Amino acid sequence: MLLASPVGLLALALLALSPQAAEPSPPDACETASPQLMLKAEPSATPPVVCISPDVPLTLRFDTALRPGSVRLEERERFADVSVGQRGVTLTPPEKLKAGERFLVEVCFADGAAPACARFLLLAHPALGLSQVKVFREPRSVASFQEGEKTAQAETRQCQQEVRQLRAERGAPEGLRGALASGLLGEKGIVSKDLTGSYTEAKSNALRVSQARSYRAEGRVAVEVWLENPGTRPWTAAGAVLRGPKGEVLKPLPLWQPEPIPPADAVAEEQQPGRRVVVEVLASQTEARGTYTLTLWDAEQKRTVTLGNVTFP
């Protein structure tokens, strides 16, 4: 339905306009990690980082056959499953995986060419784990270069689109005028969907979800989540990701959180205990369809919130 109240509309419009909007934090290794890696003949002293997350199996695919019995993985017994194929390794990360944990994995190749072996650093992240990484050794085939070029072009187009959006919004007015000026309304306006009662919460969540609503506007979608903090320290979202039904990852624009979420015990009786966080993602009318999982984390990546069964109107 079209929103009659400006509250939901402003939740989207104020993302870029509110003076309280949090500044984006510097990207960490997992935010800049690539799904394609190139191995040089002279291996680097620092192994490339591959990010893993609980419940997200990782497959390392190689363009060269592996030497049988050559795969070595630190703390292999903690991984739910490790499957080695002729040209690939599939790992199921531990369920109890702490952010920042590191595991070295080593593989060796059957053809004897350089590099004879390769090492990778598996880095635990609450939600930005990759499901597949393709690994190439020099020289690369024409097909692999073309695939890498397509990936780079897609990432560049997304960055350019985000830059255009942010530049257009920076000089826009506030309130309903801002929504109109930014083009969010389009011909269909902004539609919303109440997720309360349909979303699922992970048992490991550091905060409780009291309400949730999703939105779709011209060229973007958003999730508004109201959280209550049962802990003893304030909580501020430092990052978020939406993971789709096929494992695809949607990285949001800068989050909007008006204020840190205080411990519930520190909230006055007459005040509402919940505080909101708004996650916004660029998406066309045909994108962001299906069921998604939203994961939020703090600066330490220790206190996370995972919301399942998120859908958009």
C-alpha atoms as a PDB file:
ATOM      1  CA  MET A   1       0.000   0.000   0.000  1.00  0.00           C
ATOM      2  CA  LEU A   2       1.065   3.648  -0.432  1.00  0.00           C
ATOM      3  CA  LEU A   3       2.188   5.257   2.779  1.00  0.00           C
ATOM      4  CA  ALA A   4      -0.248   7.810   4.142  1.00  0.00           C
ATOM      5  CA  SER A   5       2.032   8.748   7.035  1.00  0.00           C
ATOM      6  CA  PRO A   6       5.307  10.615   6.429  1.00  0.00           C
ATOM      7  CA  VAL A   7       7.085   8.613   9.146  1.00  0.00           C
ATOM      8  CA  GLY A   8       8.100   5.719   6.930  1.00  0.00           C
ATOM      9  CA  LEU A   9       8.930   8.024   4.052  1.00  0.00           C
ATOM     10  CA  LEU A  10      11.184  10.128   6.242  1.00  0.00           C
ATOM     11  CA  ALA A  11      12.971   7.006   7.434  1.00  0.00           C
ATOM     12  CA  LEU A  12      14.279   6.719   3.883  1.00  0.00           C
ATOM     13  CA  ALA A  13      14.626  10.392   3.025  1.00  0.00           C
ATOM     14  CA  LEU A  14      16.584  11.278   6.161  1.00  0.00           C
ATOM     15  CA  LEU A  15      19.258   8.638   5.617  1.00  0.00           C
ATOM     16  CA  ALA A  16      21.470  11.053   3.745  1.00  0.00           C
ATOM     17  CA  LEU A  17      19.984  14.280   5.095  1.00  0.00           C
ATOM     18  CA  SER A  18      19.967  13.851   8.878  1.00  0.00           C
ATOM     19  CA  PRO A  19      22.843  15.621  10.646  1.00  0.00           C
ATOM     20  CA  GLN A  20      22.897  12.704  13.090  1.00  0.00           C
ATOM     21  CA  ALA A  21      23.568  10.120  10.420  1.00  0.00           C
ATOM     22  CA  ALA A  22      26.666   8.147  11.311  1.00  0.00           C
ATOM     23  CA  GLU A  23      29.762   8.613   9.204  1.00  0.00           C
ATOM     24  CA  PRO A  24      30.762   5.422   7.376  1.00  0.00           C
ATOM     25  CA  SER A  25      33.574   3.600   9.112  1.00  0.00           C
ATOM     26  CA  PRO A  26      36.712   2.646   7.176  1.00  0.00           C
ATOM     27  CA  PRO A  27      36.190  -0.597   5.255  1.00  0.00           C
ATOM     28  CA  ASP A  28      37.633  -3.704   6.845  1.00  0.00           C
ATOM     29  CA  ALA A  29      39.366  -6.544   5.039  1.00  0.00           C
ATOM     30  CA  CYS A  30      36.097  -8.395   4.431  1.00  0.00           C
ATOM     31  CA  GLU A  31      34.362  -5.399   2.874  1.00  0.00           C
ATOM     32  CA  THR A  32      37.084  -5.112   0.248  1.00  0.00           C
ATOM     33  CA  ALA A  33      37.770  -8.834  -0.252  1.00  0.00           C
ATOM     34  CA  SER A  34      37.569 -10.059  -3.833  1.00  0.00           C
ATOM     35  CA  PRO A  35      35.891 -13.294  -4.990  1.00  0.00           C
ATOM     36  CA  GLN A  36      38.824 -13.820  -7.380  1.00  0.00           C
ATOM     37  CA  LEU A  37      42.469 -14.237  -6.400  1.00  0.00           C
ATOM     38  CA  MET A  38      45.625 -14.317  -8.509  1.00  0.00           C
ATOM     39  CA  LEU A  39      48.627 -16.348  -7.309  1.00  0.00           C
ATOM     40  CA  LYS A  40      52.023 -15.123  -8.459  1.00  0.00           C
ATOM     41  CA  ALA A  41      54.973 -17.420  -9.117  1.00  0.00           C
ATOM     42  CA  GLU A  42      56.734 -15.888  -6.113  1.00  0.00           C
ATOM     43  CA  PRO A  43      54.253 -16.259  -3.239  1.00  0.00           C
ATOM     44  CA  SER A  44      53.638 -13.226  -1.043  1.00  0.00           C
ATOM     45  CA  ALA A  45      54.813 -13.244   2.558  1.00  0.00           C
ATOM     46  CA  THR A  46      51.259 -12.314   3.583  1.00  0.00           C
ATOM     47  CA  PRO A  47      48.637 -14.846   2.473  1.00  0.00           C
ATOM     48  CA  PRO A  48      45.492 -13.429   0.847  1.00  0.00           C
ATOM     49  CA  VAL A  49      42.463 -13.015   3.094  1.00  0.00           C
ATOM     50  CA  VAL A  50      39.315 -15.039   2.474  1.00  0.00           C
ATOM     51  CA  CYS A  51      36.397 -14.187   4.772  1.00  0.00           C
ATOM     52  CA  ILE A  52      34.146 -16.841   6.286  1.00  0.00           C
ATOM     53  CA  SER A  53      30.897 -16.655   8.266  1.00  0.00           C
ATOM     54  CA  PRO A  54      28.826 -19.189  10.205  1.00  0.00           C
ATOM     55  CA  ASP A  55      26.274 -21.068   8.084  1.00  0.00           C
ATOM     56  CA  VAL A  56      27.962 -19.937   4.832  1.00  0.00           C
ATOM     57  CA  PRO A  57      29.922 -22.817   3.243  1.00  0.00           C
ATOM     58  CA  LEU A  58      32.983 -21.642   1.314  1.00  0.00           C
ATOM     59  CA  THR A  59      34.287 -23.206  -1.875  1.00  0.00           C
ATOM     60  CA  LEU A  60      37.800 -22.448  -3.107  1.00  0.00           C
ATOM     61  CA  ARG A  61      37.910 -23.222  -6.833  1.00  0.00           C
ATOM     62  CA  PHE A  62      41.274 -23.542  -8.599  1.00  0.00           C
ATOM     63  CA  ASP A  63      42.197 -23.479 -12.281  1.00  0.00           C
ATOM     64  CA  THR A  64      44.730 -26.265 -11.648  1.00  0.00           C
ATOM     65  CA  ALA A  65      44.326 -29.766 -10.218  1.00  0.00           C
ATOM     66  CA  LEU A  66      45.311 -30.215  -6.575  1.00  0.00           C
ATOM     67  CA  ARG A  67      47.853 -32.728  -5.382  1.00  0.00           C
ATOM     68  CA  PRO A  68      46.040 -35.518  -3.508  1.00  0.00           C
ATOM     69  CA  GLY A  69      46.392 -35.305   0.266  1.00  0.00           C
ATOM     70  CA  SER A  70      48.001 -31.854   0.168  1.00  0.00           C
ATOM     71  CA  VAL A  71      45.226 -29.809   1.804  1.00  0.00           C
ATOM     72  CA  ARG A  72      46.056 -28.651   5.328  1.00  0.00           C
ATOM     73  CA  LEU A  73      43.662 -26.637   7.508  1.00  0.00           C
ATOM     74  CA  GLU A  74      44.310 -25.235  10.971  1.00  0.00           C
ATOM     75  CA  GLU A  75      41.870 -26.555  13.600  1.00  0.00           C
ATOM     76  CA  ARG A  76      40.255 -28.738  10.983  1.00  0.00           C
ATOM     77  CA  GLU A  77      38.338 -30.602  13.680  1.00  0.00           C
ATOM     78  CA  ARG A  78      36.283 -27.477  14.394  1.00  0.00           C
ATOM     79  CA  PHE A  79      34.917 -27.290  10.849  1.00  0.00           C
ATOM     80  CA  ALA A  80      31.613 -29.080  10.314  1.00  0.00           C
ATOM     81  CA  ASP A  81      32.778 -30.448   6.969  1.00  0.00           C
ATOM     82  CA  VAL A  82      35.830 -30.286   4.704  1.00  0.00           C
ATOM     83  CA  SER A  83      35.447 -31.745   1.225  1.00  0.00           C
ATOM     84  CA  VAL A  84      38.358 -31.893  -1.221  1.00  0.00           C
ATOM     85  CA  GLY A  85      37.794 -32.360  -4.925  1.00  0.00           C
ATOM     86  CA  GLN A  86      40.098 -32.495  -7.894  1.00  0.00           C
ATOM     87  CA  ARG A  87      40.106 -28.706  -8.311  1.00  0.00           C
ATOM     88  CA  GLY A  88      38.314 -27.408  -5.266  1.00  0.00           C
ATOM     89  CA  VAL A  89      37.963 -27.358  -1.502  1.00  0.00           C
ATOM     90  CA  THR A  90      34.623 -26.801   0.255  1.00  0.00           C
ATOM     91  CA  LEU A  91      34.642 -25.775   3.912  1.00  0.00           C
ATOM     92  CA  THR A  92      31.709 -25.485   6.303  1.00  0.00           C
ATOM     93  CA  PRO A  93      32.810 -23.010   9.005  1.00  0.00           C
ATOM     94  CA  PRO A  94      32.230 -23.742  12.689  1.00  0.00           C
ATOM     95  CA  GLU A  95      28.854 -22.701  14.104  1.00  0.00           C
ATOM     96  CA  LYS A  96      30.529 -21.102  17.118  1.00  0.00           C
ATOM     97  CA  LEU A  97      32.764 -18.785  15.150  1.00  0.00           C
ATOM     98  CA  LYS A  98      34.028 -15.615  16.813  1.00  0.00           C
ATOM     99  CA  ALA A  99      34.608 -12.514  14.712  1.00  0.00           C
ATOM    100  CA  GLY A 100      38.294 -12.032  13.977  1.00  0.00           C
ATOM    101  CA  GLU A 101      39.278 -15.694  14.354  1.00  0.00           C
ATOM    102  CA  ARG A 102      41.888 -16.776  11.812  1.00  0.00           C
ATOM    103  CA  PHE A 103      42.674 -20.121  10.213  1.00  0.00           C
ATOM    104  CA  LEU A 104      45.419 -20.906   7.734  1.00  0.00           C
ATOM    105  CA  VAL A 105      44.639 -23.260   4.867  1.00  0.00           C
ATOM    106  CA  GLU A 106      47.300 -24.600   2.487  1.00  0.00           C
ATOM    107  CA  VAL A 107      46.926 -26.438  -0.814  1.00  0.00           C
ATOM    108  CA  CYS A 108      49.515 -27.796  -3.241  1.00  0.00           C
ATOM    109  CA  PHE A 109      49.157 -28.300  -6.972  1.00  0.00           C
ATOM    110  CA  ALA A 110      49.684 -31.460  -8.996  1.00  0.00           C
ATOM    111  CA  ASP A 111      51.460 -30.027 -12.046  1.00  0.00           C
ATOM    112  CA  GLY A 112      54.667 -28.921 -10.281  1.00  0.00           C
ATOM    113  CA  ALA A 113      54.504 -25.388 -11.717  1.00  0.00           C
ATOM    114  CA  ALA A 114      55.139 -22.311  -9.572  1.00  0.00           C
ATOM    115  CA  PRO A 115      53.803 -21.611  -7.120  1.00  0.00           C
ATOM    116  CA  ALA A 116      53.852 -25.235  -6.048  1.00  0.00           C
ATOM    117  CA  CYS A 117      51.625 -24.484  -3.035  1.00  0.00           C
ATOM    118  CA  ALA A 118      49.426 -21.651  -1.834  1.00  0.00           C
ATOM    119  CA  ARG A 119      48.287 -20.470   1.582  1.00  0.00           C
ATOM    120  CA  PHE A 120      45.135 -18.524   2.452  1.00  0.00           C
ATOM    121  CA  LEU A 121      44.067 -16.799   5.659  1.00  0.00           C
ATOM    122  CA  LEU A 122      40.459 -17.561   6.570  1.00  0.00           C
ATOM    123  CA  LEU A 123      39.142 -14.570   8.534  1.00  0.00           C
ATOM    124  CA  ALA A 124      35.893 -14.878  10.511  1.00  0.00           C
ATOM    125  CA  HIS A 125      33.270 -12.162  10.005  1.00  0.00           C
ATOM    126  CA  PRO A 126      29.686 -12.080  11.326  1.00  0.00           C
ATOM    127  CA  ALA A 127      28.118 -11.830   7.867  1.00  0.00           C
ATOM    128  CA  LEU A 128      30.509 -10.979   5.018  1.00  0.00           C
ATOM    129  CA  GLY A 129      31.784 -14.506   4.443  1.00  0.00           C
ATOM    130  CA  LEU A 130      32.186 -15.474   0.791  1.00  0.00           C
ATOM    131  CA  SER A 131      30.488 -18.550  -0.607  1.00  0.00           C
ATOM    132  CA  GLN A 132      32.922 -18.995  -3.495  1.00  0.00           C
ATOM    133  CA  VAL A 133      36.417 -17.767  -4.351  1.00  0.00           C
ATOM    134  CA  LYS A 134      38.087 -18.506  -7.683  1.00  0.00           C
ATOM    135  CA  VAL A 135      41.868 -18.839  -7.559  1.00  0.00           C
ATOM    136  CA  PHE A 136      44.087 -18.465 -10.630  1.00  0.00           C
ATOM    137  CA  ARG A 137      47.793 -19.016 -11.164  1.00  0.00           C
ATOM    138  CA  GLU A 138      49.746 -17.050 -13.740  1.00  0.00           C
ATOM    139  CA  PRO A 139      49.416 -17.195 -16.658  1.00  0.00           C
ATOM    140  CA  ARG A 140      45.637 -16.802 -16.822  1.00  0.00           C
ATOM    141  CA  SER A 141      43.409 -17.872 -19.655  1.00  0.00           C
ATOM    142  CA  VAL A 142      41.537 -15.348 -21.807  1.00  0.00           C
ATOM    143  CA  ALA A 143      38.261 -16.592 -20.326  1.00  0.00           C
ATOM    144  CA  SER A 144      39.429 -15.939 -16.767  1.00  0.00           C
ATOM    145  CA  PHE A 145      40.521 -12.403 -17.690  1.00  0.00           C
ATOM    146  CA  GLN A 146      37.126 -11.756 -19.266  1.00  0.00           C
ATOM    147  CA  GLU A 147      35.355 -13.045 -16.169  1.00  0.00           C
ATOM    148  CA  GLY A 148      37.492 -10.863 -13.928  1.00  0.00           C
ATOM    149  CA  GLU A 149      36.828  -7.861 -16.135  1.00  0.00           C
ATOM    150  CA  LYS A 150      33.061  -8.437 -15.927  1.00  0.00           C
ATOM    151  CA  THR A 151      33.258  -8.596 -12.130  1.00  0.00           C
ATOM    152  CA  ALA A 152      35.305  -5.394 -11.971  1.00  0.00           C
ATOM    153  CA  GLN A 153      32.924  -3.605 -14.330  1.00  0.00           C
ATOM    154  CA  ALA A 154      29.923  -4.630 -12.229  1.00  0.00           C
ATOM    155  CA  GLU A 155      31.607  -3.364  -9.051  1.00  0.00           C
ATOM    156  CA  THR A 156      32.527  -0.105 -10.780  1.00  0.00           C
ATOM    157  CA  ARG A 157      28.958   0.433 -12.001  1.00  0.00           C
ATOM    158  CA  GLN A 158      27.640  -0.110  -8.468  1.00  0.00           C
ATOM    159  CA  CYS A 159      30.155   2.366  -7.021  1.00  0.00           C
ATOM    160  CA  GLN A 160      29.313   4.950  -9.680  1.00  0.00           C
ATOM    161  CA  GLN A 161      25.610   4.551  -8.979  1.00  0.00           C
ATOM    162  CA  GLU A 162      26.164   5.015  -5.248  1.00  0.00           C
ATOM    163  CA  VAL A 163      28.304   8.119  -5.848  1.00  0.00           C
ATOM    164  CA  ARG A 164      25.603   9.640  -8.079  1.00  0.00           C
ATOM    165  CA  GLN A 165      22.961   8.942  -5.442  1.00  0.00           C
ATOM    166  CA  LEU A 166      25.002  10.443  -2.625  1.00  0.00           C
ATOM    167  CA  ARG A 167      25.913  13.544  -4.637  1.00  0.00           C
ATOM    168  CA  ALA A 168      22.284  14.099  -5.610  1.00  0.00           C
ATOM    169  CA  GLU A 169      21.142  13.772  -2.008  1.00  0.00           C
ATOM    170  CA  ARG A 170      23.813  15.941  -0.391  1.00  0.00           C
ATOM    171  CA  GLY A 171      22.270  19.196  -1.599  1.00  0.00           C
ATOM    172  CA  ALA A 172      18.634  18.121  -1.298  1.00  0.00           C
ATOM    173  CA  PRO A 173      16.146  19.767   1.114  1.00  0.00           C
ATOM    174  CA  GLU A 174      14.764  17.964   4.155  1.00  0.00           C
ATOM    175  CA  GLY A 175      11.441  16.255   4.847  1.00  0.00           C
ATOM    176  CA  LEU A 176       8.897  15.560   2.120  1.00  0.00           C
ATOM    177  CA  ARG A 177      10.648  18.070  -0.134  1.00  0.00           C
ATOM    178  CA  GLY A 178      13.787  15.951   0.157  1.00  0.00           C
ATOM    179  CA  ALA A 179      11.932  12.788  -0.830  1.00  0.00           C
ATOM    180  CA  LEU A 180      10.502  14.553  -3.851  1.00  0.00           C
ATOM    181  CA  ALA A 181      13.822  16.141  -4.807  1.00  0.00           C
ATOM    182  CA  SER A 182      15.703  12.850  -4.539  1.00  0.00           C
ATOM    183  CA  GLY A 183      13.247  11.054  -6.822  1.00  0.00           C
ATOM    184  CA  LEU A 184      12.409   8.407  -4.200  1.00  0.00           C
ATOM    185  CA  LEU A 185       8.674   8.655  -4.812  1.00  0.00           C
ATOM    186  CA  GLY A 186       8.667   7.816  -8.518  1.00  0.00           C
ATOM    187  CA  GLU A 187       5.234   7.034  -9.938  1.00  0.00           C
ATOM    188  CA  LYS A 188       4.310   4.441  -7.306  1.00  0.00           C
ATOM    189  CA  GLY A 189       5.402   6.340  -4.196  1.00  0.00           C
ATOM    190  CA  ILE A 190       6.958   4.496  -1.264  1.00  0.00           C
ATOM    191  CA  VAL A 191       5.381   1.209  -0.217  1.00  0.00           C
ATOM    192  CA  SER A 192       5.942  -0.504   3.107  1.00  0.00           C
ATOM    193  CA  LYS A 193       5.467  -3.915   4.660  1.00  0.00           C
ATOM    194  CA  ASP A 194       5.118  -4.749   8.343  1.00  0.00           C
ATOM    195  CA  LEU A 195       7.492  -7.624   9.129  1.00  0.00           C
ATOM    196  CA  THR A 196       6.467  -7.937  12.766  1.00  0.00           C
ATOM    197  CA  GLY A 197       5.369 -11.493  13.424  1.00  0.00           C
ATOM    198  CA  SER A 198       6.983 -12.909  10.282  1.00  0.00           C
ATOM    199  CA  TYR A 199      10.697 -12.329  10.861  1.00  0.00           C
ATOM    200  CA  THR A 200      12.908 -14.764  12.745  1.00  0.00           C
ATOM    201  CA  GLU A 201      15.630 -13.964  15.292  1.00  0.00           C
ATOM    202  CA  ALA A 202      18.889 -15.836  15.822  1.00  0.00           C
ATOM    203  CA  LYS A 203      19.386 -17.278  19.302  1.00  0.00           C
ATOM    204  CA  SER A 204      22.800 -15.632  19.452  1.00  0.00           C
ATOM    205  CA  ASN A 205      21.408 -12.112  18.951  1.00  0.00           C
ATOM    206  CA  ALA A 206      22.893  -9.559  21.337  1.00  0.00           C
ATOM    207  CA  LEU A 207      19.796  -7.362  21.097  1.00  0.00           C
ATOM    208  CA  ARG A 208      16.064  -8.060  20.924  1.00  0.00           C
ATOM    209  CA  VAL A 209      14.024  -7.052  17.898  1.00  0.00           C
ATOM    210  CA  SER A 210      10.743  -5.406  18.889  1.00  0.00           C
ATOM    211  CA  GLN A 211       9.532  -4.203  15.478  1.00  0.00           C
ATOM    212  CA  ALA A 212      10.600  -4.408  11.852  1.00  0.00           C
ATOM    213  CA  ARG A 213       9.287  -2.891   8.640  1.00  0.00           C
ATOM    214  CA  SER A 214      10.572  -2.983   5.077  1.00  0.00           C
ATOM    215  CA  TYR A 215      10.234  -0.324   2.374  1.00  0.00           C
ATOM    216  CA  ARG A 216      10.552  -0.073  -1.380  1.00  0.00           C
ATOM    217  CA  ALA A 217      11.040   3.247  -3.167  1.00  0.00           C
ATOM    218  CA  GLU A 218      12.284   4.268  -6.577  1.00  0.00           C
ATOM    219  CA  GLY A 219      15.667   2.578  -7.008  1.00  0.00           C
ATOM    220  CA  ARG A 220      16.105   1.319  -3.456  1.00  0.00           C
ATOM    221  CA  VAL A 221      14.805  -0.762  -0.568  1.00  0.00           C
ATOM    222  CA  ALA A 222      15.222  -0.386   3.180  1.00  0.00           C
ATOM    223  CA  VAL A 223      14.659  -2.228   6.447  1.00  0.00           C
ATOM    224  CA  GLU A 224      13.754  -0.354   9.620  1.00  0.00           C
ATOM    225  CA  VAL A 225      14.515  -2.374  12.754  1.00  0.00           C
ATOM    226  CA  TRP A 226      13.648  -1.366  16.319  1.00  0.00           C
ATOM    227  CA  LEU A 227      16.022  -2.935  18.842  1.00  0.00           C
ATOM    228  CA  GLU A 228      16.076  -3.291  22.616  1.00  0.00           C
ATOM    229  CA  ASN A 229      19.384  -3.712  24.422  1.00  0.00           C
ATOM    230  CA  PRO A 230      19.378  -6.236  27.311  1.00  0.00           C
ATOM    231  CA  GLY A 231      23.111  -5.752  27.860  1.00  0.00           C
ATOM    232  CA  THR A 232      25.035  -3.364  30.069  1.00  0.00           C
ATOM    233  CA  ARG A 233      26.734  -1.240  27.371  1.00  0.00           C
ATOM    234  CA  PRO A 234      25.261   0.984  24.647  1.00  0.00           C
ATOM    235  CA  TRP A 235      25.199  -0.546  21.168  1.00  0.00           C
ATOM    236  CA  THR A 236      25.896   1.150  17.843  1.00  0.00           C
ATOM    237  CA  ALA A 237      25.674  -0.569  14.478  1.00  0.00           C
ATOM    238  CA  ALA A 238      28.952  -0.395  12.561  1.00  0.00           C
ATOM    239  CA  GLY A 239      27.956  -2.484   9.547  1.00  0.00           C
ATOM    240  CA  ALA A 240      25.211  -4.518   7.963  1.00  0.00           C
ATOM    241  CA  VAL A 241      24.584  -6.892   5.098  1.00  0.00           C
ATOM    242  CA  LEU A 242      21.577  -8.485   3.435  1.00  0.00           C
ATOM    243  CA  ARG A 243      22.139 -12.041   2.209  1.00  0.00           C
ATOM    244  CA  GLY A 244      19.721 -13.306  -0.422  1.00  0.00           C
ATOM    245  CA  PRO A 245      18.111 -16.682  -1.101  1.00  0.00           C
ATOM    246  CA  LYS A 246      20.962 -17.744  -3.409  1.00  0.00           C
ATOM    247  CA  GLY A 247      23.700 -16.514  -1.087  1.00  0.00           C
ATOM    248  CA  GLU A 248      24.088 -13.187  -2.867  1.00  0.00           C
ATOM    249  CA  VAL A 249      25.243 -10.306  -0.681  1.00  0.00           C
ATOM    250  CA  LEU A 250      23.720  -6.827  -0.822  1.00  0.00           C
ATOM    251  CA  LYS A 251      25.908  -4.207   0.847  1.00  0.00           C
ATOM    252  CA  PRO A 252      24.002  -1.163   2.088  1.00  0.00           C
ATOM    253  CA  LEU A 253      24.522   2.554   1.889  1.00  0.00           C
ATOM    254  CA  PRO A 254      25.743   4.195   5.131  1.00  0.00           C
ATOM    255  CA  LEU A 255      23.497   3.100   7.981  1.00  0.00           C
ATOM    256  CA  TRP A 256      21.158   5.528   9.721  1.00  0.00           C
ATOM    257  CA  GLN A 257      21.025   5.191  13.498  1.00  0.00           C
ATOM    258  CA  PRO A 258      19.909   8.382  15.272  1.00  0.00           C
ATOM    259  CA  GLU A 259      21.545   7.419  18.577  1.00  0.00           C
ATOM    260  CA  PRO A 260      23.292   4.511  20.312  1.00  0.00           C
ATOM    261  CA  ILE A 261      20.878   1.959  21.774  1.00  0.00           C
ATOM    262  CA  PRO A 262      21.150   2.274  25.562  1.00  0.00           C
ATOM    263  CA  PRO A 263      20.851  -0.660  27.965  1.00  0.00           C
ATOM    264  CA  ALA A 264      17.193  -1.314  28.748  1.00  0.00           C
ATOM    265  CA  ASP A 265      17.859  -0.769  32.458  1.00  0.00           C
ATOM    266  CA  ALA A 266      19.074   2.772  31.707  1.00  0.00           C
ATOM    267  CA  VAL A 267      15.878   3.808  29.882  1.00  0.00           C
ATOM    268  CA  ALA A 268      13.316   5.807  31.861  1.00  0.00           C
ATOM    269  CA  GLU A 269       9.919   4.157  32.349  1.00  0.00           C
ATOM    270  CA  GLU A 270       8.126   6.811  30.302  1.00  0.00           C
ATOM    271  CA  GLN A 271      10.491   6.307  27.355  1.00  0.00           C
ATOM    272  CA  GLN A 272      10.249   3.653  24.669  1.00  0.00           C
ATOM    273  CA  PRO A 273      13.011   1.064  25.279  1.00  0.00           C
ATOM    274  CA  GLY A 274      13.591   0.377  21.591  1.00  0.00           C
ATOM    275  CA  ARG A 275      15.726   2.453  19.223  1.00  0.00           C
ATOM    276  CA  ARG A 276      15.859   2.103  15.467  1.00  0.00           C
ATOM    277  CA  VAL A 277      18.434   1.324  12.821  1.00  0.00           C
ATOM    278  CA  VAL A 278      17.659   1.802   9.120  1.00  0.00           C
ATOM    279  CA  VAL A 279      19.484  -0.231   6.480  1.00  0.00           C
ATOM    280  CA  GLU A 280      19.133   0.969   2.881  1.00  0.00           C
ATOM    281  CA  VAL A 281      20.256  -0.758  -0.324  1.00  0.00           C
ATOM    282  CA  LEU A 282      20.194   0.388  -3.931  1.00  0.00           C
ATOM    283  CA  ALA A 283      17.848  -1.924  -5.855  1.00  0.00           C
ATOM    284  CA  SER A 284      15.653  -1.670  -8.941  1.00  0.00           C
ATOM    285  CA  GLN A 285      12.027  -2.784  -9.012  1.00  0.00           C
ATOM    286  CA  THR A 286      13.095  -6.259 -10.170  1.00  0.00           C
ATOM    287  CA  GLU A 287      15.842  -6.652  -7.561  1.00  0.00           C
ATOM    288  CA  ALA A 288      15.684  -7.533  -3.844  1.00  0.00           C
ATOM    289  CA  ARG A 289      12.945 -10.088  -4.444  1.00  0.00           C
ATOM    290  CA  GLY A 290      12.619 -13.204  -2.327  1.00  0.00           C
ATOM    291  CA  THR A 291      13.578 -13.825   1.287  1.00  0.00           C
ATOM    292  CA  TYR A 292      16.663 -12.197   2.813  1.00  0.00           C
ATOM    293  CA  THR A 293      18.647 -12.397   6.043  1.00  0.00           C
ATOM    294  CA  LEU A 294      19.755  -9.134   7.634  1.00  0.00           C
ATOM    295  CA  THR A 295      22.828  -9.132   9.876  1.00  0.00           C
ATOM    296  CA  LEU A 296      24.032  -6.116  11.874  1.00  0.00           C
ATOM    297  CA  TRP A 297      27.225  -5.887  13.922  1.00  0.00           C
ATOM    298  CA  ASP A 298      29.005  -3.410  16.174  1.00  0.00           C
ATOM    299  CA  ALA A 299      32.529  -2.036  15.809  1.00  0.00           C
ATOM    300  CA  GLU A 300      34.005  -5.039  17.619  1.00  0.00           C
ATOM    301  CA  GLN A 301      31.929  -7.490  15.527  1.00  0.00           C
ATOM    302  CA  LYS A 302      31.127  -9.301  18.761  1.00  0.00           C
ATOM    303  CA  ARG A 303      27.535  -8.234  19.442  1.00  0.00           C
ATOM    304  CA  THR A 304      25.518  -9.081  16.365  1.00  0.00           C
ATOM    305  CA  VAL A 305      21.844  -9.098  15.387  1.00  0.00           C
ATOM    306  CA  THR A 306      20.515 -11.459  12.720  1.00  0.00           C
ATOM    307  CA  LEU A 307      17.004 -11.102  11.353  1.00  0.00           C
ATOM    308  CA  GLY A 308      15.709 -13.834   9.033  1.00  0.00           C
ATOM    309  CA  ASN A 309      12.742 -14.023   6.668  1.00  0.00           C
ATOM    310  CA  VAL A 310      13.048 -10.395   5.582  1.00  0.00           C
ATOM    311  CA  THR A 311      10.995  -9.583   2.471  1.00  0.00           C
ATOM    312  CA  PHE A 312      10.285  -6.379   0.609  1.00  0.00           C
ATOM    313  CA  PRO A 313       6.999  -5.090  -0.863  1.00  0.00           C
END
